[in-house]
C-alpha atoms as a PDB file:
ATOM      1  CA  UNK A   1       0.000   0.000   0.000  1.00  0.00           C
ATOM      2  CA  UNK A   2       2.455   2.683  -1.126  1.00  0.00           C
ATOM      3  CA  UNK A   3       1.920   6.423  -1.348  1.00  0.00           C
ATOM      4  CA  UNK A   4       0.022   7.378  -4.463  1.00  0.00           C
ATOM      5  CA  UNK A   5       2.841   9.187  -6.278  1.00  0.00           C
ATOM      6  CA  UNK A   6       4.970   8.627  -9.349  1.00  0.00           C
ATOM      7  CA  UNK A   7       8.711   8.708  -8.790  1.00  0.00           C
ATOM      8  CA  UNK A   8      11.361   9.352 -11.425  1.00  0.00           C
ATOM      9  CA  UNK A   9      13.762   7.426 -11.535  1.00  0.00           C
ATOM     10  CA  UNK A  10      21.131 -21.601  -3.912  1.00  0.00           C
ATOM     11  CA  UNK A  11      18.453 -23.933  -2.833  1.00  0.00           C
ATOM     12  CA  UNK A  12      18.024 -27.666  -3.135  1.00  0.00           C
ATOM     13  CA  UNK A  13      17.571 -29.360  -6.497  1.00  0.00           C
ATOM     14  CA  UNK A  14      14.664 -28.512  -8.760  1.00  0.00           C
ATOM     15  CA  UNK A  15      12.940 -31.152 -10.823  1.00  0.00           C
ATOM     16  CA  UNK A  16      13.017 -30.314 -14.496  1.00  0.00           C
ATOM     17  CA  UNK A  17       9.786 -32.076 -15.357  1.00  0.00           C
ATOM     18  CA  UNK A  18       6.367 -31.885 -13.831  1.00  0.00           C
ATOM     19  CA  UNK A  19       5.649 -35.216 -12.166  1.00  0.00           C
ATOM     20  CA  UNK A  20       1.943 -34.503 -11.686  1.00  0.00           C
ATOM     21  CA  UNK A  21       2.291 -33.528  -8.026  1.00  0.00           C
ATOM     22  CA  UNK A  22       2.397 -29.747  -8.215  1.00  0.00           C
ATOM     23  CA  UNK A  23       1.270 -28.717  -4.763  1.00  0.00           C
ATOM     24  CA  UNK A  24       3.883 -26.657  -2.934  1.00  0.00           C
ATOM     25  CA  UNK A  25       5.479 -28.312   0.098  1.00  0.00           C
ATOM     26  CA  UNK A  26       3.354 -28.521   3.209  1.00  0.00           C
ATOM     27  CA  UNK A  27       4.520 -25.937   5.683  1.00  0.00           C
ATOM     28  CA  UNK A  28       3.089 -25.280   9.131  1.00  0.00           C
ATOM     29  CA  UNK A  29       4.352 -21.701   8.957  1.00  0.00           C
ATOM     30  CA  UNK A  30       2.038 -21.005   6.005  1.00  0.00           C
ATOM     31  CA  UNK A  31      -1.297 -21.651   7.666  1.00  0.00           C
ATOM     32  CA  UNK A  32      -4.403 -19.892   8.891  1.00  0.00           C
ATOM     33  CA  UNK A  33      -3.713 -17.723  11.920  1.00  0.00           C
ATOM     34  CA  UNK A  34       0.028 -17.429  11.352  1.00  0.00           C
ATOM     35  CA  UNK A  35       1.366 -13.903  11.932  1.00  0.00           C
ATOM     36  CA  UNK A  36       4.350 -12.107  10.435  1.00  0.00           C
ATOM     37  CA  UNK A  37       5.944  -8.764  11.194  1.00  0.00           C
ATOM     38  CA  UNK A  38       8.581  -6.596   9.580  1.00  0.00           C
ATOM     39  CA  UNK A  39       8.904  -3.580   7.323  1.00  0.00           C
ATOM     40  CA  UNK A  40       8.089  -2.251   3.891  1.00  0.00           C
ATOM     41  CA  UNK A  41      10.650   0.089   2.397  1.00  0.00           C
ATOM     42  CA  UNK A  42       8.821   2.955   0.683  1.00  0.00           C
ATOM     43  CA  UNK A  43      11.843   5.180   0.145  1.00  0.00           C
ATOM     44  CA  UNK A  44      11.831   7.646  -2.734  1.00  0.00           C
ATOM     45  CA  UNK A  45      14.471   9.814  -4.343  1.00  0.00           C
ATOM     46  CA  UNK A  46      13.590  12.503  -1.827  1.00  0.00           C
ATOM     47  CA  UNK A  47      13.837  10.524   1.415  1.00  0.00           C
ATOM     48  CA  UNK A  48      14.379   7.152   3.050  1.00  0.00           C
ATOM     49  CA  UNK A  49      11.267   5.738   4.647  1.00  0.00           C
ATOM     50  CA  UNK A  50      10.074   2.392   5.952  1.00  0.00           C
ATOM     51  CA  UNK A  51       6.753   1.378   7.463  1.00  0.00           C
ATOM     52  CA  UNK A  52       6.344  -1.250  10.154  1.00  0.00           C
ATOM     53  CA  UNK A  53       4.059  -3.964   8.837  1.00  0.00           C
ATOM     54  CA  UNK A  54       2.076  -6.833  10.365  1.00  0.00           C
ATOM     55  CA  UNK A  55       0.506  -9.584   8.277  1.00  0.00           C
ATOM     56  CA  UNK A  56      -1.840 -12.369   9.321  1.00  0.00           C
ATOM     57  CA  UNK A  57      -3.038 -15.245   7.147  1.00  0.00           C
ATOM     58  CA  UNK A  58      -6.823 -15.587   7.275  1.00  0.00           C
ATOM     59  CA  UNK A  59      -7.313 -18.381   4.748  1.00  0.00           C
ATOM     60  CA  UNK A  60      -5.138 -20.910   2.908  1.00  0.00           C
ATOM     61  CA  UNK A  61      -6.149 -23.476   0.267  1.00  0.00           C
ATOM     62  CA  UNK A  62      -3.050 -25.090  -1.248  1.00  0.00           C
ATOM     63  CA  UNK A  63      -5.127 -27.344  -3.488  1.00  0.00           C
ATOM     64  CA  UNK A  64      -6.443 -24.319  -5.377  1.00  0.00           C
ATOM     65  CA  UNK A  65      -3.355 -22.138  -4.953  1.00  0.00           C
ATOM     66  CA  UNK A  66      -5.222 -19.597  -2.844  1.00  0.00           C
ATOM     67  CA  UNK A  67      -4.599 -17.717   0.363  1.00  0.00           C
ATOM     68  CA  UNK A  68      -5.774 -14.463   1.889  1.00  0.00           C
ATOM     69  CA  UNK A  69      -5.030 -12.268   4.838  1.00  0.00           C
ATOM     70  CA  UNK A  70      -4.714  -8.823   6.316  1.00  0.00           C
ATOM     71  CA  UNK A  71      -1.845  -6.353   6.214  1.00  0.00           C
ATOM     72  CA  UNK A  72      -1.406  -3.544   8.729  1.00  0.00           C
ATOM     73  CA  UNK A  73       0.964  -0.605   8.182  1.00  0.00           C
ATOM     74  CA  UNK A  74       1.703   1.029  11.530  1.00  0.00           C
ATOM     75  CA  UNK A  75       3.551   4.297  10.980  1.00  0.00           C
ATOM     76  CA  UNK A  76       2.096   5.739   7.778  1.00  0.00           C
ATOM     77  CA  UNK A  77       2.840   9.503   7.899  1.00  0.00           C
ATOM     78  CA  UNK A  78      -0.431  10.716   6.387  1.00  0.00           C
ATOM     79  CA  UNK A  79      -2.668   8.422   8.478  1.00  0.00           C
ATOM     80  CA  UNK A  80      -3.897   9.036  12.025  1.00  0.00           C
ATOM     81  CA  UNK A  81      -4.359   5.317  12.636  1.00  0.00           C
ATOM     82  CA  UNK A  82      -2.685   2.116  11.436  1.00  0.00           C
ATOM     83  CA  UNK A  83      -3.898   1.298   7.929  1.00  0.00           C
ATOM     84  CA  UNK A  84      -5.293  -2.207   7.434  1.00  0.00           C
ATOM     85  CA  UNK A  85      -5.980  -3.838   4.072  1.00  0.00           C
ATOM     86  CA  UNK A  86      -7.396  -7.199   3.060  1.00  0.00           C
ATOM     87  CA  UNK A  87      -5.444  -9.100   0.396  1.00  0.00           C
ATOM     88  CA  UNK A  88      -5.877 -12.243  -1.643  1.00  0.00           C
ATOM     89  CA  UNK A  89      -2.974 -14.319  -2.896  1.00  0.00           C
ATOM     90  CA  UNK A  90      -2.095 -16.621  -5.758  1.00  0.00           C
ATOM     91  CA  UNK A  91       0.363 -19.429  -4.992  1.00  0.00           C
ATOM     92  CA  UNK A  92       2.632 -20.242  -7.933  1.00  0.00           C
ATOM     93  CA  UNK A  93       2.183 -24.015  -8.104  1.00  0.00           C
ATOM     94  CA  UNK A  94       2.352 -24.377 -11.954  1.00  0.00           C
ATOM     95  CA  UNK A  95      -1.124 -25.943 -11.812  1.00  0.00           C
ATOM     96  CA  UNK A  96      -3.389 -23.088 -10.750  1.00  0.00           C
ATOM     97  CA  UNK A  97      -0.909 -20.259 -11.339  1.00  0.00           C
ATOM     98  CA  UNK A  98       2.410 -19.861 -13.136  1.00  0.00           C
ATOM     99  CA  UNK A  99       5.117 -17.248 -12.711  1.00  0.00           C
ATOM    100  CA  UNK A 100       3.495 -15.138 -15.447  1.00  0.00           C
ATOM    101  CA  UNK A 101       0.900 -12.810 -13.887  1.00  0.00           C
ATOM    102  CA  UNK A 102      -1.125 -12.046 -17.011  1.00  0.00           C
ATOM    103  CA  UNK A 103      -3.024  -9.118 -15.424  1.00  0.00           C
ATOM    104  CA  UNK A 104      -2.681  -6.072 -13.185  1.00  0.00           C
ATOM    105  CA  UNK A 105      -0.641  -4.334 -15.898  1.00  0.00           C
ATOM    106  CA  UNK A 106       2.258  -6.766 -15.440  1.00  0.00           C
ATOM    107  CA  UNK A 107       3.982  -8.085 -18.570  1.00  0.00           C
ATOM    108  CA  UNK A 108       6.129 -11.257 -18.676  1.00  0.00           C
ATOM    109  CA  UNK A 109       9.138  -8.917 -18.714  1.00  0.00           C
ATOM    110  CA  UNK A 110       7.893  -7.253 -15.518  1.00  0.00           C
ATOM    111  CA  UNK A 111       7.430 -10.691 -13.984  1.00  0.00           C
ATOM    112  CA  UNK A 112      10.957 -11.851 -14.790  1.00  0.00           C
ATOM    113  CA  UNK A 113      12.411  -8.529 -13.620  1.00  0.00           C
ATOM    114  CA  UNK A 114      10.771  -8.917 -10.210  1.00  0.00           C
ATOM    115  CA  UNK A 115      11.139 -12.668  -9.675  1.00  0.00           C
ATOM    116  CA  UNK A 116      14.870 -12.509 -10.422  1.00  0.00           C
ATOM    117  CA  UNK A 117      15.328 -10.207  -7.423  1.00  0.00           C
ATOM    118  CA  UNK A 118      14.826 -13.291  -5.237  1.00  0.00           C
ATOM    119  CA  UNK A 119      18.060 -15.362  -5.049  1.00  0.00           C
ATOM    120  CA  UNK A 120      15.953 -18.505  -4.583  1.00  0.00           C
ATOM    121  CA  UNK A 121      14.464 -17.985  -8.050  1.00  0.00           C
ATOM    122  CA  UNK A 122      17.811 -18.324  -9.857  1.00  0.00           C
ATOM    123  CA  UNK A 123      17.584 -22.097 -10.525  1.00  0.00           C
ATOM    124  CA  UNK A 124      14.149 -21.596 -12.098  1.00  0.00           C
ATOM    125  CA  UNK A 125      14.654 -18.599 -14.342  1.00  0.00           C
ATOM    126  CA  UNK A 126      15.646 -20.353 -17.574  1.00  0.00           C
ATOM    127  CA  UNK A 127      12.578 -22.590 -17.587  1.00  0.00           C
ATOM    128  CA  UNK A 128      10.261 -19.779 -16.501  1.00  0.00           C
ATOM    129  CA  UNK A 129      11.395 -17.705 -19.472  1.00  0.00           C
ATOM    130  CA  UNK A 130      10.278 -20.545 -21.739  1.00  0.00           C
ATOM    131  CA  UNK A 131       6.780 -21.268 -20.463  1.00  0.00           C
ATOM    132  CA  UNK A 132       6.209 -19.409 -17.209  1.00  0.00           C
ATOM    133  CA  UNK A 133       7.402 -22.466 -15.302  1.00  0.00           C
ATOM    134  CA  UNK A 134       4.543 -24.759 -16.357  1.00  0.00           C
ATOM    135  CA  UNK A 135       6.866 -27.756 -16.684  1.00  0.00           C
ATOM    136  CA  UNK A 136       8.511 -27.270 -13.284  1.00  0.00           C
ATOM    137  CA  UNK A 137       7.717 -29.461 -10.297  1.00  0.00           C
ATOM    138  CA  UNK A 138       7.801 -27.223  -7.230  1.00  0.00           C
ATOM    139  CA  UNK A 139       6.358 -29.775  -4.798  1.00  0.00           C
ATOM    140  CA  UNK A 140       9.683 -30.246  -2.987  1.00  0.00           C
ATOM    141  CA  UNK A 141      11.095 -26.781  -3.484  1.00  0.00           C
ATOM    142  CA  UNK A 142      12.053 -25.093  -0.188  1.00  0.00           C
ATOM    143  CA  UNK A 143      10.476 -21.784  -1.222  1.00  0.00           C
ATOM    144  CA  UNK A 144       6.921 -20.871  -2.152  1.00  0.00           C
ATOM    145  CA  UNK A 145       6.362 -18.038  -4.621  1.00  0.00           C
ATOM    146  CA  UNK A 146       3.159 -16.025  -4.500  1.00  0.00           C
ATOM    147  CA  UNK A 147       1.417 -12.860  -5.605  1.00  0.00           C
ATOM    148  CA  UNK A 148      -0.542 -10.820  -3.060  1.00  0.00           C
ATOM    149  CA  UNK A 149      -3.190  -8.382  -4.309  1.00  0.00           C
ATOM    150  CA  UNK A 150      -4.773  -5.985  -1.814  1.00  0.00           C
ATOM    151  CA  UNK A 151      -8.528  -5.882  -2.404  1.00  0.00           C
ATOM    152  CA  UNK A 152      -9.793  -3.137  -0.103  1.00  0.00           C
ATOM    153  CA  UNK A 153      -9.046  -0.943   2.900  1.00  0.00           C
ATOM    154  CA  UNK A 154     -10.512  -2.407   6.085  1.00  0.00           C
ATOM    155  CA  UNK A 155     -10.501   0.580   8.450  1.00  0.00           C
ATOM    156  CA  UNK A 156      -9.914   3.701   6.340  1.00  0.00           C
ATOM    157  CA  UNK A 157     -11.418   5.229   3.229  1.00  0.00           C
ATOM    158  CA  UNK A 158      -9.957   5.249  -0.257  1.00  0.00           C
ATOM    159  CA  UNK A 159      -9.088   8.932   0.267  1.00  0.00           C
ATOM    160  CA  UNK A 160      -6.374   8.006   2.798  1.00  0.00           C
ATOM    161  CA  UNK A 161      -3.584   8.971   0.405  1.00  0.00           C
ATOM    162  CA  UNK A 162      -2.484   5.388  -0.268  1.00  0.00           C
ATOM    163  CA  UNK A 163      -3.046   3.158  -3.261  1.00  0.00           C
ATOM    164  CA  UNK A 164      -3.718  -0.567  -3.539  1.00  0.00           C
ATOM    165  CA  UNK A 165      -3.680  -0.581  -7.341  1.00  0.00           C
ATOM    166  CA  UNK A 166      -0.559  -2.734  -7.504  1.00  0.00           C
ATOM    167  CA  UNK A 167       0.406  -6.114  -6.081  1.00  0.00           C
ATOM    168  CA  UNK A 168       3.297  -7.898  -4.361  1.00  0.00           C
ATOM    169  CA  UNK A 169       5.640 -10.512  -5.760  1.00  0.00           C
ATOM    170  CA  UNK A 170       6.324 -12.694  -2.720  1.00  0.00           C
ATOM    171  CA  UNK A 171       8.830 -15.398  -1.781  1.00  0.00           C
ATOM    172  CA  UNK A 172       8.194 -17.498   1.334  1.00  0.00           C
ATOM    173  CA  UNK A 173      10.896 -19.629   2.969  1.00  0.00           C
ATOM    174  CA  UNK A 174       9.563 -22.952   4.250  1.00  0.00           C
ATOM    175  CA  UNK A 175      12.560 -23.385   6.544  1.00  0.00           C
ATOM    176  CA  UNK A 176      12.096 -20.320   8.749  1.00  0.00           C
ATOM    177  CA  UNK A 177       8.845 -18.673   7.642  1.00  0.00           C
ATOM    178  CA  UNK A 178      10.522 -15.497   6.432  1.00  0.00           C
ATOM    179  CA  UNK A 179       8.895 -13.516   3.639  1.00  0.00           C
ATOM    180  CA  UNK A 180      10.425 -11.213   1.058  1.00  0.00           C
ATOM    181  CA  UNK A 181       8.374  -9.239  -1.397  1.00  0.00           C
ATOM    182  CA  UNK A 182       8.497  -6.476  -3.990  1.00  0.00           C
ATOM    183  CA  UNK A 183       5.585  -4.184  -4.764  1.00  0.00           C
ATOM    184  CA  UNK A 184       4.692  -3.601  -8.416  1.00  0.00           C
ATOM    185  CA  UNK A 185       2.633  -0.645  -9.582  1.00  0.00           C
ATOM    186  CA  UNK A 186       3.632   1.404 -12.655  1.00  0.00           C
ATOM    187  CA  UNK A 187       2.484   4.548 -10.815  1.00  0.00           C
ATOM    188  CA  UNK A 188       4.499   3.997  -7.628  1.00  0.00           C
ATOM    189  CA  UNK A 189       8.166   3.883  -6.701  1.00  0.00           C
ATOM    190  CA  UNK A 190       9.621   0.645  -8.122  1.00  0.00           C
ATOM    191  CA  UNK A 191      10.794  -2.373  -6.126  1.00  0.00           C
ATOM    192  CA  UNK A 192       9.478  -1.329  -2.715  1.00  0.00           C
ATOM    193  CA  UNK A 193      10.727  -4.214  -0.580  1.00  0.00           C
ATOM    194  CA  UNK A 194       8.632  -6.081   1.970  1.00  0.00           C
ATOM    195  CA  UNK A 195      10.562  -8.037   4.623  1.00  0.00           C
ATOM    196  CA  UNK A 196       8.677 -10.100   7.195  1.00  0.00           C
ATOM    197  CA  UNK A 197       9.521 -12.749   9.757  1.00  0.00           C
ATOM    198  CA  UNK A 198       7.196 -15.279  11.317  1.00  0.00           C
ATOM    199  CA  UNK A 199       6.239 -14.463  14.884  1.00  0.00           C
ATOM    200  CA  UNK A 200       5.577 -16.846  17.767  1.00  0.00           C
ATOM    201  CA  UNK A 201       2.164 -15.416  18.453  1.00  0.00           C
ATOM    202  CA  UNK A 202       0.304 -18.080  16.503  1.00  0.00           C
ATOM    203  CA  UNK A 203      -3.457 -18.107  16.570  1.00  0.00           C
ATOM    204  CA  UNK A 204      -3.698 -16.532  20.002  1.00  0.00           C
ATOM    205  CA  UNK A 205      -1.467 -13.519  19.434  1.00  0.00           C
ATOM    206  CA  UNK A 206      -1.842 -10.361  17.360  1.00  0.00           C
ATOM    207  CA  UNK A 207      -5.250 -10.307  15.721  1.00  0.00           C
ATOM    208  CA  UNK A 208      -7.274  -8.120  13.412  1.00  0.00           C
ATOM    209  CA  UNK A 209     -10.486  -9.219  15.101  1.00  0.00           C
ATOM    210  CA  UNK A 210     -11.213  -5.658  16.140  1.00  0.00           C
ATOM    211  CA  UNK A 211     -11.635  -4.749  12.466  1.00  0.00           C
ATOM    212  CA  UNK A 212     -14.641  -5.918  10.499  1.00  0.00           C
ATOM    213  CA  UNK A 213     -13.566  -7.879   7.430  1.00  0.00           C
ATOM    214  CA  UNK A 214     -16.086  -7.335   4.665  1.00  0.00           C
END
């Protein structure tokens, strides 16, 4: 959820063929109720700036490559209160979704440019350039790649000075639950980095229950 402005300016082995089992690896850290916290770098040419961010997963369906959750930005300069959004995600499993976005103004070139910023993507890039990764088997890969698209503001109006027009390219580490992401929106500063770590709060910790999810 960046400011609405335009700025100038090696893992384990990967199977080369799809064996039919395309679900990403089961991971207890990617489950309903799991919380993450960290920062989003929203720096521009004019100043360095980072927002503290909390994320909680509200739904996860690996079979259909779907998950959803809430994102809270805590120290947004133009907001009097933390800004909460609801997002929906696409899990790149080569069955439901490939590495090519195909919407939200993202071209295959935009996709490759963003995915290659994740070191864990390096072993996959040559095949992804060919077919979006359709022939890859990611079922045993130690990272899960996703796209998160914010759908609406939960507790503020659309006149809050922020935009949710773009989406996040996301990489999730199954080993430690850490998340890296890059925001894409042609009308916002490029490559705003999201860095989150799994918390120990689990289902009983930080919650967005005080906000009404539409």
